[in-house]
Amino acid sequence: THACLGDIAAFESAARCCQRDCWLALRRAAALSTDLLPVPLKAGMPLTCRQYRANPSCMGKECPLRG
């Protein structure tokens, strides 16, 4: 949990994006799962945001989902 929240907190100027925060948490959980679980989780599929126009707090091109 700490590692996932750390990844989310690294985007301190990026408020109010559930999609980005979930993506960051899932990606970190998958990375950690190789050491913690007998079957590692996969989170390698690229994700592209299509909701940025609806979020006035979007961090724009700085967001890893828009990159």
PDB file of N, CA and C in Angstrom:
ATOM      1  N   THR A   1       0.834  -1.186   0.000  1.00  0.00           N
ATOM      2  CA  THR A   1       0.000   0.000   0.000  1.00  0.00           C
ATOM      3  C   THR A   1       0.873   1.241   0.000  1.00  0.00           C
ATOM      4  N   HIS A   2       1.928   1.214   0.800  1.00  0.00           N
ATOM      5  CA  HIS A   2       2.821   2.373   0.896  1.00  0.00           C
ATOM      6  C   HIS A   2       3.461   2.692  -0.453  1.00  0.00           C
ATOM      7  N   ALA A   3       3.917   1.676  -1.154  1.00  0.00           N
ATOM      8  CA  ALA A   3       4.549   1.902  -2.455  1.00  0.00           C
ATOM      9  C   ALA A   3       3.551   2.455  -3.469  1.00  0.00           C
ATOM     10  N   CYS A   4       2.335   1.929  -3.464  1.00  0.00           N
ATOM     11  CA  CYS A   4       1.300   2.421  -4.388  1.00  0.00           C
ATOM     12  C   CYS A   4       0.967   3.879  -4.095  1.00  0.00           C
ATOM     13  N   LEU A   5       0.775   4.188  -2.824  1.00  0.00           N
ATOM     14  CA  LEU A   5       0.457   5.570  -2.455  1.00  0.00           C
ATOM     15  C   LEU A   5       1.627   6.511  -2.737  1.00  0.00           C
ATOM     16  N   GLY A   6       2.840   5.998  -2.619  1.00  0.00           N
ATOM     17  CA  GLY A   6       4.006   6.811  -2.949  1.00  0.00           C
ATOM     18  C   GLY A   6       4.038   7.198  -4.410  1.00  0.00           C
ATOM     19  N   ASP A   7       3.686   6.246  -5.285  1.00  0.00           N
ATOM     20  CA  ASP A   7       3.639   6.563  -6.715  1.00  0.00           C
ATOM     21  C   ASP A   7       2.571   7.607  -7.016  1.00  0.00           C
ATOM     22  N   ILE A   8       1.428   7.483  -6.360  1.00  0.00           N
ATOM     23  CA  ILE A   8       0.345   8.447  -6.555  1.00  0.00           C
ATOM     24  C   ILE A   8       0.748   9.820  -6.028  1.00  0.00           C
ATOM     25  N   ALA A   9       1.372   9.849  -4.860  1.00  0.00           N
ATOM     26  CA  ALA A   9       1.768  11.115  -4.236  1.00  0.00           C
ATOM     27  C   ALA A   9       2.873  11.824  -5.013  1.00  0.00           C
ATOM     28  N   ALA A  10       3.616  11.090  -5.826  1.00  0.00           N
ATOM     29  CA  ALA A  10       4.676  11.709  -6.619  1.00  0.00           C
ATOM     30  C   ALA A  10       4.116  12.736  -7.597  1.00  0.00           C
ATOM     31  N   PHE A  11       2.846  12.624  -7.922  1.00  0.00           N
ATOM     32  CA  PHE A  11       2.174  13.592  -8.791  1.00  0.00           C
ATOM     33  C   PHE A  11       1.428  14.593  -7.908  1.00  0.00           C
ATOM     34  N   GLU A  12       2.160  15.305  -7.063  1.00  0.00           N
ATOM     35  CA  GLU A  12       1.540  16.159  -6.055  1.00  0.00           C
ATOM     36  C   GLU A  12       0.714  17.302  -6.639  1.00  0.00           C
ATOM     37  N   SER A  13       1.033  17.744  -7.833  1.00  0.00           N
ATOM     38  CA  SER A  13       0.254  18.838  -8.421  1.00  0.00           C
ATOM     39  C   SER A  13      -0.896  18.316  -9.278  1.00  0.00           C
ATOM     40  N   ALA A  14      -1.138  17.027  -9.238  1.00  0.00           N
ATOM     41  CA  ALA A  14      -2.166  16.416 -10.089  1.00  0.00           C
ATOM     42  C   ALA A  14      -3.309  15.908  -9.232  1.00  0.00           C
ATOM     43  N   ALA A  15      -4.296  16.728  -9.067  1.00  0.00           N
ATOM     44  CA  ALA A  15      -5.438  16.354  -8.227  1.00  0.00           C
ATOM     45  C   ALA A  15      -6.549  15.730  -9.062  1.00  0.00           C
ATOM     46  N   ARG A  16      -7.394  14.982  -8.395  1.00  0.00           N
ATOM     47  CA  ARG A  16      -8.679  14.531  -8.911  1.00  0.00           C
ATOM     48  C   ARG A  16      -8.635  13.754 -10.219  1.00  0.00           C
ATOM     49  N   CYS A  17      -7.900  12.663 -10.223  1.00  0.00           N
ATOM     50  CA  CYS A  17      -7.944  11.786 -11.390  1.00  0.00           C
ATOM     51  C   CYS A  17      -7.923  10.342 -10.909  1.00  0.00           C
ATOM     52  N   CYS A  18      -9.101   9.759 -10.792  1.00  0.00           N
ATOM     53  CA  CYS A  18      -9.225   8.376 -10.322  1.00  0.00           C
ATOM     54  C   CYS A  18      -8.591   7.398 -11.296  1.00  0.00           C
ATOM     55  N   GLN A  19      -8.725   7.654 -12.581  1.00  0.00           N
ATOM     56  CA  GLN A  19      -8.188   6.753 -13.597  1.00  0.00           C
ATOM     57  C   GLN A  19      -6.666   6.692 -13.488  1.00  0.00           C
ATOM     58  N   ARG A  20      -5.998   7.826 -13.392  1.00  0.00           N
ATOM     59  CA  ARG A  20      -4.538   7.862 -13.273  1.00  0.00           C
ATOM     60  C   ARG A  20      -4.086   7.185 -11.989  1.00  0.00           C
ATOM     61  N   ASP A  21      -4.758   7.497 -10.872  1.00  0.00           N
ATOM     62  CA  ASP A  21      -4.363   6.929  -9.585  1.00  0.00           C
ATOM     63  C   ASP A  21      -4.543   5.410  -9.560  1.00  0.00           C
ATOM     64  N   CYS A  22      -5.609   4.906 -10.140  1.00  0.00           N
ATOM     65  CA  CYS A  22      -5.825   3.453 -10.219  1.00  0.00           C
ATOM     66  C   CYS A  22      -4.762   2.807 -11.097  1.00  0.00           C
ATOM     67  N   TRP A  23      -4.456   3.421 -12.217  1.00  0.00           N
ATOM     68  CA  TRP A  23      -3.443   2.889 -13.120  1.00  0.00           C
ATOM     69  C   TRP A  23      -2.089   2.818 -12.432  1.00  0.00           C
ATOM     70  N   LEU A  24      -1.708   3.877 -11.714  1.00  0.00           N
ATOM     71  CA  LEU A  24      -0.436   3.883 -10.996  1.00  0.00           C
ATOM     72  C   LEU A  24      -0.391   2.790  -9.929  1.00  0.00           C
ATOM     73  N   ALA A  25      -1.480   2.643  -9.182  1.00  0.00           N
ATOM     74  CA  ALA A  25      -1.529   1.632  -8.119  1.00  0.00           C
ATOM     75  C   ALA A  25      -1.462   0.221  -8.702  1.00  0.00           C
ATOM     76  N   LEU A  26      -2.186  -0.038  -9.766  1.00  0.00           N
ATOM     77  CA  LEU A  26      -2.160  -1.365 -10.387  1.00  0.00           C
ATOM     78  C   LEU A  26      -0.795  -1.696 -10.975  1.00  0.00           C
ATOM     79  N   ARG A  27      -0.170  -0.713 -11.571  1.00  0.00           N
ATOM     80  CA  ARG A  27       1.160  -0.926 -12.147  1.00  0.00           C
ATOM     81  C   ARG A  27       2.177  -1.259 -11.056  1.00  0.00           C
ATOM     82  N   ARG A  28       2.128  -0.553  -9.926  1.00  0.00           N
ATOM     83  CA  ARG A  28       3.055  -0.822  -8.821  1.00  0.00           C
ATOM     84  C   ARG A  28       2.754  -2.183  -8.188  1.00  0.00           C
ATOM     85  N   ALA A  29       1.472  -2.501  -8.016  1.00  0.00           N
ATOM     86  CA  ALA A  29       1.099  -3.793  -7.440  1.00  0.00           C
ATOM     87  C   ALA A  29       1.604  -4.940  -8.317  1.00  0.00           C
ATOM     88  N   ALA A  30       1.517  -4.786  -9.616  1.00  0.00           N
ATOM     89  CA  ALA A  30       2.013  -5.819 -10.523  1.00  0.00           C
ATOM     90  C   ALA A  30       3.525  -5.978 -10.394  1.00  0.00           C
ATOM     91  N   ALA A  31       4.225  -4.870 -10.280  1.00  0.00           N
ATOM     92  CA  ALA A  31       5.678  -4.931 -10.117  1.00  0.00           C
ATOM     93  C   ALA A  31       6.051  -5.626  -8.809  1.00  0.00           C
ATOM     94  N   LEU A  32       5.356  -5.312  -7.740  1.00  0.00           N
ATOM     95  CA  LEU A  32       5.637  -5.921  -6.443  1.00  0.00           C
ATOM     96  C   LEU A  32       5.220  -7.383  -6.382  1.00  0.00           C
ATOM     97  N   SER A  33       4.244  -7.762  -7.178  1.00  0.00           N
ATOM     98  CA  SER A  33       3.712  -9.122  -7.106  1.00  0.00           C
ATOM     99  C   SER A  33       4.735 -10.178  -7.506  1.00  0.00           C
ATOM    100  N   THR A  34       5.732  -9.806  -8.284  1.00  0.00           N
ATOM    101  CA  THR A  34       6.732 -10.799  -8.688  1.00  0.00           C
ATOM    102  C   THR A  34       7.501 -11.333  -7.488  1.00  0.00           C
ATOM    103  N   ASP A  35       7.643 -10.529  -6.443  1.00  0.00           N
ATOM    104  CA  ASP A  35       8.345 -10.959  -5.230  1.00  0.00           C
ATOM    105  C   ASP A  35       7.399 -11.477  -4.154  1.00  0.00           C
ATOM    106  N   LEU A  36       6.116 -11.147  -4.245  1.00  0.00           N
ATOM    107  CA  LEU A  36       5.197 -11.441  -3.154  1.00  0.00           C
ATOM    108  C   LEU A  36       4.193 -12.559  -3.432  1.00  0.00           C
ATOM    109  N   LEU A  37       3.933 -12.844  -4.681  1.00  0.00           N
ATOM    110  CA  LEU A  37       2.896 -13.820  -5.025  1.00  0.00           C
ATOM    111  C   LEU A  37       3.473 -14.968  -5.849  1.00  0.00           C
ATOM    112  N   PRO A  38       2.883 -16.154  -5.742  1.00  0.00           N
ATOM    113  CA  PRO A  38       3.375 -17.268  -6.544  1.00  0.00           C
ATOM    114  C   PRO A  38       3.108 -17.075  -8.046  1.00  0.00           C
ATOM    115  N   VAL A  39       2.071 -16.346  -8.386  1.00  0.00           N
ATOM    116  CA  VAL A  39       1.761 -16.024  -9.778  1.00  0.00           C
ATOM    117  C   VAL A  39       1.717 -14.508  -9.893  1.00  0.00           C
ATOM    118  N   PRO A  40       2.665 -13.906 -10.600  1.00  0.00           N
ATOM    119  CA  PRO A  40       2.693 -12.445 -10.678  1.00  0.00           C
ATOM    120  C   PRO A  40       1.507 -11.870 -11.456  1.00  0.00           C
ATOM    121  N   LEU A  41       1.118 -10.682 -11.053  1.00  0.00           N
ATOM    122  CA  LEU A  41       0.065  -9.952 -11.754  1.00  0.00           C
ATOM    123  C   LEU A  41       0.644  -9.316 -13.011  1.00  0.00           C
ATOM    124  N   LYS A  42      -0.200  -9.110 -13.991  1.00  0.00           N
ATOM    125  CA  LYS A  42       0.231  -8.454 -15.231  1.00  0.00           C
ATOM    126  C   LYS A  42      -0.449  -7.098 -15.333  1.00  0.00           C
ATOM    127  N   ALA A  43       0.321  -6.098 -15.682  1.00  0.00           N
ATOM    128  CA  ALA A  43      -0.220  -4.753 -15.901  1.00  0.00           C
ATOM    129  C   ALA A  43       0.588  -4.076 -16.995  1.00  0.00           C
ATOM    130  N   GLY A  44       0.736  -4.737 -18.117  1.00  0.00           N
ATOM    131  CA  GLY A  44       1.562  -4.209 -19.182  1.00  0.00           C
ATOM    132  C   GLY A  44       0.800  -3.588 -20.337  1.00  0.00           C
ATOM    133  N   MET A  45      -0.497  -3.730 -20.327  1.00  0.00           N
ATOM    134  CA  MET A  45      -1.290  -3.188 -21.423  1.00  0.00           C
ATOM    135  C   MET A  45      -1.298  -1.657 -21.365  1.00  0.00           C
ATOM    136  N   PRO A  46      -1.014  -0.999 -22.465  1.00  0.00           N
ATOM    137  CA  PRO A  46      -1.023   0.468 -22.445  1.00  0.00           C
ATOM    138  C   PRO A  46      -2.438   1.019 -22.214  1.00  0.00           C
ATOM    139  N   LEU A  47      -2.510   2.092 -21.491  1.00  0.00           N
ATOM    140  CA  LEU A  47      -3.787   2.741 -21.207  1.00  0.00           C
ATOM    141  C   LEU A  47      -3.696   4.187 -21.660  1.00  0.00           C
ATOM    142  N   THR A  48      -4.674   4.623 -22.387  1.00  0.00           N
ATOM    143  CA  THR A  48      -4.721   5.995 -22.870  1.00  0.00           C
ATOM    144  C   THR A  48      -5.972   6.658 -22.334  1.00  0.00           C
ATOM    145  N   CYS A  49      -5.815   7.841 -21.793  1.00  0.00           N
ATOM    146  CA  CYS A  49      -6.943   8.579 -21.224  1.00  0.00           C
ATOM    147  C   CYS A  49      -7.766   9.220 -22.336  1.00  0.00           C
ATOM    148  N   ARG A  50      -9.063   9.047 -22.219  1.00  0.00           N
ATOM    149  CA  ARG A  50      -9.998   9.710 -23.146  1.00  0.00           C
ATOM    150  C   ARG A  50     -10.925  10.647 -22.385  1.00  0.00           C
ATOM    151  N   GLN A  51     -10.660  10.809 -21.087  1.00  0.00           N
ATOM    152  CA  GLN A  51     -11.546  11.601 -20.246  1.00  0.00           C
ATOM    153  C   GLN A  51     -10.967  12.965 -19.857  1.00  0.00           C
ATOM    154  N   TYR A  52      -9.787  13.292 -20.333  1.00  0.00           N
ATOM    155  CA  TYR A  52      -9.109  14.505 -19.876  1.00  0.00           C
ATOM    156  C   TYR A  52      -9.897  15.782 -20.141  1.00  0.00           C
ATOM    157  N   ARG A  53     -10.680  15.808 -21.172  1.00  0.00           N
ATOM    158  CA  ARG A  53     -11.475  17.017 -21.456  1.00  0.00           C
ATOM    159  C   ARG A  53     -12.551  17.259 -20.406  1.00  0.00           C
ATOM    160  N   ALA A  54     -12.989  16.192 -19.744  1.00  0.00           N
ATOM    161  CA  ALA A  54     -14.045  16.308 -18.731  1.00  0.00           C
ATOM    162  C   ALA A  54     -13.498  16.651 -17.344  1.00  0.00           C
ATOM    163  N   ASN A  55     -12.182  16.675 -17.191  1.00  0.00           N
ATOM    164  CA  ASN A  55     -11.572  16.945 -15.894  1.00  0.00           C
ATOM    165  C   ASN A  55     -10.847  18.293 -15.917  1.00  0.00           C
ATOM    166  N   PRO A  56     -11.426  19.317 -15.304  1.00  0.00           N
ATOM    167  CA  PRO A  56     -10.774  20.621 -15.298  1.00  0.00           C
ATOM    168  C   PRO A  56      -9.467  20.630 -14.509  1.00  0.00           C
ATOM    169  N   SER A  57      -9.230  19.614 -13.687  1.00  0.00           N
ATOM    170  CA  SER A  57      -7.989  19.521 -12.912  1.00  0.00           C
ATOM    171  C   SER A  57      -6.934  18.654 -13.598  1.00  0.00           C
ATOM    172  N   CYS A  58      -7.182  18.245 -14.831  1.00  0.00           N
ATOM    173  CA  CYS A  58      -6.241  17.391 -15.551  1.00  0.00           C
ATOM    174  C   CYS A  58      -4.876  18.071 -15.638  1.00  0.00           C
ATOM    175  N   MET A  59      -3.830  17.292 -15.434  1.00  0.00           N
ATOM    176  CA  MET A  59      -2.477  17.838 -15.499  1.00  0.00           C
ATOM    177  C   MET A  59      -1.938  17.892 -16.928  1.00  0.00           C
ATOM    178  N   GLY A  60      -2.770  17.526 -17.886  1.00  0.00           N
ATOM    179  CA  GLY A  60      -2.420  17.664 -19.296  1.00  0.00           C
ATOM    180  C   GLY A  60      -1.328  16.717 -19.751  1.00  0.00           C
ATOM    181  N   LYS A  61      -0.391  17.228 -20.539  1.00  0.00           N
ATOM    182  CA  LYS A  61       0.650  16.398 -21.135  1.00  0.00           C
ATOM    183  C   LYS A  61       1.626  15.838 -20.109  1.00  0.00           C
ATOM    184  N   GLU A  62       1.599  16.296 -18.896  1.00  0.00           N
ATOM    185  CA  GLU A  62       2.444  15.764 -17.837  1.00  0.00           C
ATOM    186  C   GLU A  62       1.920  14.441 -17.296  1.00  0.00           C
ATOM    187  N   CYS A  63       0.685  14.099 -17.613  1.00  0.00           N
ATOM    188  CA  CYS A  63       0.067  12.876 -17.115  1.00  0.00           C
ATOM    189  C   CYS A  63       0.633  11.664 -17.837  1.00  0.00           C
ATOM    190  N   PRO A  64       0.978  10.592 -17.107  1.00  0.00           N
ATOM    191  CA  PRO A  64       1.513   9.408 -17.768  1.00  0.00           C
ATOM    192  C   PRO A  64       0.494   8.712 -18.688  1.00  0.00           C
ATOM    193  N   LEU A  65      -0.773   8.979 -18.535  1.00  0.00           N
ATOM    194  CA  LEU A  65      -1.780   8.380 -19.406  1.00  0.00           C
ATOM    195  C   LEU A  65      -1.931   9.139 -20.717  1.00  0.00           C
ATOM    196  N   ARG A  66      -1.419  10.338 -20.790  1.00  0.00           N
ATOM    197  CA  ARG A  66      -1.536  11.124 -22.019  1.00  0.00           C
ATOM    198  C   ARG A  66      -0.226  11.149 -22.799  1.00  0.00           C
ATOM    199  N   GLY A  67       0.835  10.662 -22.150  1.00  0.00           N
ATOM    200  CA  GLY A  67       2.183  10.736 -22.713  1.00  0.00           C
ATOM    201  C   GLY A  67       2.373  10.027 -23.972  1.00  0.00           C
TER     202      GLY A  67
END
